[in-house]
């Protein structure tokens, strides 16, 4: 055995071409992985952009629900705001006007017969209570109605967003997601319109619970709150 040769059979020399090939293979692999990750990122970003309005709308409606639950625990004396609601006889017997005038009815409903029924009920409610509730205008708002048309119909009454927050839609945008009549209260002192989403009134607007909720809502300084009348 020749001890002068320092040859280790376990350490085989790697050809230069093989090293270059291996490096190229690793580079190609990383390139493919990078491209795949980039494509998936763009897909995820596109999906996020597509569903972002839905997510924001969910958060917004959830926030309305939380505000409504807050209202359930709030009570204020009706006398402090002098809110007059109810059937014509009860309102007229009080012999006074409210600090807040009922201003406008907005309705979004794709069902023409339902819409006629809703408008008919609201027209009767306003007719019976107009002397004390000081109706300013009634406007039928459909999904095709533009904000310019609203401004034209209502004139100076509608000049600026009623409630605007960069994290929440304006009232006009909010009208596109509701499906029932909305009653608006017009504050004569400040000239601002604040609204309560009341749904169908019928004969239940005279309940004390309903009046307390409206009073509580008004105390929130016009923040958008989904108000439901008592169903009892």
Protein backbone atom coordinates (compact mmCIF):
# COMPACT_ATOMS: atom_id res chain seq x y z
CA UNK A 1 0.00 0.00 0.00
CA UNK A 2 1.36 3.35 -1.02
CA UNK A 3 1.16 5.59 2.05
CA UNK A 4 2.41 8.63 0.17
CA UNK A 5 -0.89 9.14 -1.68
CA UNK A 6 -3.30 11.18 0.41
CA UNK A 7 -6.46 10.05 -1.35
CA UNK A 8 -9.79 9.76 0.52
CA UNK A 9 -12.31 7.76 -1.50
CA UNK A 10 -15.19 9.45 0.42
CA UNK A 11 -14.25 12.91 -0.86
CA UNK A 12 -14.97 12.67 -4.56
CA UNK A 13 -14.20 15.75 -6.63
CA UNK A 14 -17.36 17.55 -7.89
CA UNK A 15 -17.09 18.58 -11.51
CA UNK A 16 -17.40 22.31 -12.15
CA UNK A 17 -20.23 21.77 -14.61
CA UNK A 18 -22.19 19.84 -11.98
CA UNK A 19 -21.80 22.69 -9.50
CA UNK A 20 -22.96 25.20 -12.08
CA UNK A 21 -25.92 22.97 -12.93
CA UNK A 22 -26.85 22.58 -9.26
CA UNK A 23 -26.64 26.34 -8.72
CA UNK A 24 -28.79 26.95 -11.78
CA UNK A 25 -31.33 24.41 -10.55
CA UNK A 26 -31.53 26.11 -7.14
CA UNK A 27 -31.89 29.52 -8.81
CA UNK A 28 -34.66 28.28 -11.10
CA UNK A 29 -36.41 26.69 -8.13
CA UNK A 30 -36.32 29.91 -6.12
CA UNK A 31 -37.56 31.84 -9.17
CA UNK A 32 -40.53 29.50 -9.57
CA UNK A 33 -41.36 29.72 -5.86
CA UNK A 34 -41.12 33.53 -5.98
CA UNK A 35 -43.40 33.74 -9.03
CA UNK A 36 -45.96 31.39 -7.46
CA UNK A 37 -45.95 33.35 -4.20
CA UNK A 38 -46.31 36.64 -6.08
CA UNK A 39 -49.25 35.31 -8.13
CA UNK A 40 -50.96 34.01 -4.98
CA UNK A 41 -50.35 37.35 -3.28
CA UNK A 42 -51.97 39.21 -6.18
CA UNK A 43 -54.92 36.81 -6.09
CA UNK A 44 -55.34 37.32 -2.35
CA UNK A 45 -55.09 41.08 -2.76
CA UNK A 46 -57.70 41.00 -5.54
CA UNK A 47 -60.04 38.91 -3.39
CA UNK A 48 -59.51 41.24 -0.46
CA UNK A 49 -60.31 44.23 -2.65
CA UNK A 50 -63.40 42.50 -4.03
CA UNK A 51 -64.78 41.47 -0.66
CA UNK A 52 -63.59 44.52 1.28
CA UNK A 53 -66.90 46.42 0.82
CA UNK A 54 -68.81 43.39 2.08
CA UNK A 55 -66.55 43.10 5.12
CA UNK A 56 -66.85 46.83 5.83
CA UNK A 57 -70.63 46.65 5.42
CA UNK A 58 -70.75 43.75 7.89
CA UNK A 59 -68.67 45.73 10.41
CA UNK A 60 -70.91 48.75 9.89
CA UNK A 61 -74.16 46.84 10.40
CA UNK A 62 -72.63 45.09 13.42
CA UNK A 63 -71.79 48.54 14.83
CA UNK A 64 -75.39 49.63 14.32
CA UNK A 65 -76.53 46.60 16.28
CA UNK A 66 -74.19 47.49 19.14
CA UNK A 67 -75.53 51.05 19.16
CA UNK A 68 -79.06 49.72 19.21
CA UNK A 69 -78.28 47.52 22.22
CA UNK A 70 -76.92 50.62 23.94
CA UNK A 71 -80.21 52.37 23.26
CA UNK A 72 -82.11 49.59 24.97
CA UNK A 73 -80.55 50.57 28.30
CA UNK A 74 -81.03 54.34 27.91
CA UNK A 75 -84.05 56.24 29.16
CA UNK A 76 -84.70 59.96 29.04
CA UNK A 77 -87.77 61.99 30.07
CA UNK A 78 -89.91 62.75 27.04
CA UNK A 79 -90.55 66.24 28.38
CA UNK A 80 -86.92 67.22 27.92
CA UNK A 81 -87.28 66.94 24.16
CA UNK A 82 -91.01 67.43 23.74
CA UNK A 83 -91.34 64.67 21.18
CA UNK A 84 -94.91 64.24 20.00
CA UNK A 85 -95.85 60.90 18.48
CA UNK A 86 -98.92 58.73 18.36
CA UNK A 87 -102.39 58.75 16.89
CA UNK A 88 -104.00 62.01 15.82
CA UNK A 89 -106.29 62.33 18.85
CA UNK A 90 -103.49 61.89 21.39
CA UNK A 91 -101.21 64.35 19.58
CA UNK A 92 -103.85 67.03 19.09
CA UNK A 93 -104.93 66.85 22.73
CA UNK A 94 -101.43 67.91 23.76
CA UNK A 95 -101.86 71.18 21.89
CA UNK A 96 -98.16 71.90 21.33
CA UNK A 97 -95.50 71.52 18.69
CA UNK A 98 -92.41 69.38 18.96
CA UNK A 99 -88.87 70.74 18.97
CA UNK A 100 -88.09 68.36 16.15
CA UNK A 101 -90.10 68.46 12.95
CA UNK A 102 -90.71 65.29 10.99
CA UNK A 103 -88.97 66.06 7.74
CA UNK A 104 -88.70 63.41 5.05
CA UNK A 105 -89.65 59.84 4.28
CA UNK A 106 -87.04 57.85 2.40
CA UNK A 107 -88.11 54.49 1.05
CA UNK A 108 -86.07 51.87 -0.77
CA UNK A 109 -88.21 48.96 -1.84
CA UNK A 110 -88.20 46.91 -5.03
CA UNK A 111 -91.73 45.65 -4.39
CA UNK A 112 -94.13 48.16 -5.96
CA UNK A 113 -97.20 46.91 -4.06
CA UNK A 114 -95.30 46.93 -0.76
CA UNK A 115 -94.04 50.41 -1.54
CA UNK A 116 -97.56 51.67 -2.20
CA UNK A 117 -98.72 50.20 1.11
CA UNK A 118 -95.85 51.75 3.02
CA UNK A 119 -96.30 55.17 1.42
CA UNK A 120 -100.03 55.03 2.03
CA UNK A 121 -99.54 54.32 5.74
CA UNK A 122 -96.97 57.07 6.09
CA UNK A 123 -99.11 59.56 4.19
CA UNK A 124 -101.99 58.85 6.56
CA UNK A 125 -99.71 59.21 9.57
CA UNK A 126 -98.44 62.58 8.32
CA UNK A 127 -101.93 63.74 7.36
CA UNK A 128 -103.26 63.04 10.85
CA UNK A 129 -100.29 64.64 12.61
CA UNK A 130 -99.11 67.36 10.21
CA UNK A 131 -100.53 70.18 12.33
CA UNK A 132 -98.20 69.35 15.19
CA UNK A 133 -95.39 67.47 13.49
CA UNK A 134 -94.71 70.12 10.83
CA UNK A 135 -94.03 67.91 7.81
CA UNK A 136 -91.49 69.56 5.53
CA UNK A 137 -91.36 67.12 2.63
CA UNK A 138 -92.01 63.56 1.62
CA UNK A 139 -89.71 62.01 -0.96
CA UNK A 140 -89.80 58.53 -2.45
CA UNK A 141 -86.23 57.28 -2.86
CA UNK A 142 -85.63 54.22 -5.03
CA UNK A 143 -82.40 52.37 -5.88
CA UNK A 144 -82.23 54.43 -9.09
CA UNK A 145 -82.48 57.78 -7.31
CA UNK A 146 -79.34 59.90 -7.39
CA UNK A 147 -78.15 62.31 -4.74
CA UNK A 148 -78.51 65.15 -7.27
CA UNK A 149 -82.19 64.28 -7.66
CA UNK A 150 -82.65 64.32 -3.90
CA UNK A 151 -81.04 67.76 -3.69
CA UNK A 152 -83.28 69.02 -6.49
CA UNK A 153 -86.45 67.67 -4.89
CA UNK A 154 -85.67 68.82 -1.38
CA UNK A 155 -83.93 72.09 -2.16
CA UNK A 156 -82.01 73.76 0.64
CA UNK A 157 -83.08 71.13 3.13
CA UNK A 158 -80.42 68.75 1.84
CA UNK A 159 -77.08 70.51 1.49
CA UNK A 160 -74.50 68.46 3.34
CA UNK A 161 -74.20 64.85 4.51
CA UNK A 162 -76.33 64.37 7.58
CA UNK A 163 -73.74 62.14 9.18
CA UNK A 164 -70.28 61.67 7.75
CA UNK A 165 -67.36 59.70 9.11
CA UNK A 166 -64.38 58.53 7.07
CA UNK A 167 -64.85 55.06 8.56
CA UNK A 168 -68.60 54.86 7.91
CA UNK A 169 -70.80 55.63 4.91
CA UNK A 170 -72.79 58.83 4.66
CA UNK A 171 -76.53 58.74 5.23
CA UNK A 172 -77.14 58.72 1.49
CA UNK A 173 -74.96 55.61 1.14
CA UNK A 174 -76.71 54.10 4.14
CA UNK A 175 -80.07 54.51 2.40
CA UNK A 176 -78.91 52.01 -0.20
CA UNK A 177 -78.79 49.18 2.34
CA UNK A 178 -82.05 49.73 4.21
CA UNK A 179 -85.28 48.22 2.99
CA UNK A 180 -87.90 49.98 5.09
CA UNK A 181 -89.19 53.53 5.46
CA UNK A 182 -86.96 55.94 7.31
CA UNK A 183 -88.32 58.87 9.24
CA UNK A 184 -86.13 61.95 9.55
CA UNK A 185 -86.31 64.57 12.27
CA UNK A 186 -85.40 68.14 11.42
CA UNK A 187 -83.88 70.22 14.22
CA UNK A 188 -85.21 73.76 13.82
CA UNK A 189 -82.55 75.26 16.11
CA UNK A 190 -79.43 74.01 14.34
CA UNK A 191 -80.96 73.49 10.92
CA UNK A 192 -79.58 69.96 10.82
CA UNK A 193 -81.51 66.88 9.83
CA UNK A 194 -81.15 63.88 12.11
CA UNK A 195 -82.92 60.65 11.44
CA UNK A 196 -84.36 57.59 13.10
CA UNK A 197 -85.00 54.37 11.21
CA UNK A 198 -88.42 53.44 12.47
CA UNK A 199 -89.87 50.92 10.06
CA UNK A 200 -93.65 50.67 9.81
CA UNK A 201 -95.51 52.74 12.36
CA UNK A 202 -99.10 51.55 12.32
CA UNK A 203 -100.71 52.18 15.70
CA UNK A 204 -97.59 51.40 17.71
CA UNK A 205 -95.84 54.77 17.50
CA UNK A 206 -97.74 55.97 20.55
CA UNK A 207 -95.98 53.55 22.92
CA UNK A 208 -93.87 55.11 25.67
CA UNK A 209 -91.03 52.72 24.89
CA UNK A 210 -90.95 54.04 21.35
CA UNK A 211 -90.81 57.66 22.53
CA UNK A 212 -88.06 56.89 25.03
CA UNK A 213 -85.96 55.26 22.33
CA UNK A 214 -86.37 58.26 20.06
CA UNK A 215 -85.39 60.56 22.92
CA UNK A 216 -82.35 58.40 23.65
CA UNK A 217 -81.39 58.40 20.01
CA UNK A 218 -81.63 62.17 19.75
CA UNK A 219 -79.30 62.44 22.73
CA UNK A 220 -76.64 60.76 20.61
CA UNK A 221 -76.42 64.01 18.59
CA UNK A 222 -77.55 62.63 15.29
CA UNK A 223 -75.37 59.53 15.14
CA UNK A 224 -76.80 56.94 12.78
CA UNK A 225 -78.73 54.44 14.87
CA UNK A 226 -81.17 51.78 13.73
CA UNK A 227 -84.25 52.32 15.90
CA UNK A 228 -87.01 49.74 16.15
CA UNK A 229 -90.33 50.54 17.74
CA UNK A 230 -91.77 48.27 20.41
CA UNK A 231 -93.42 45.25 18.88
CA UNK A 232 -95.68 44.71 21.87
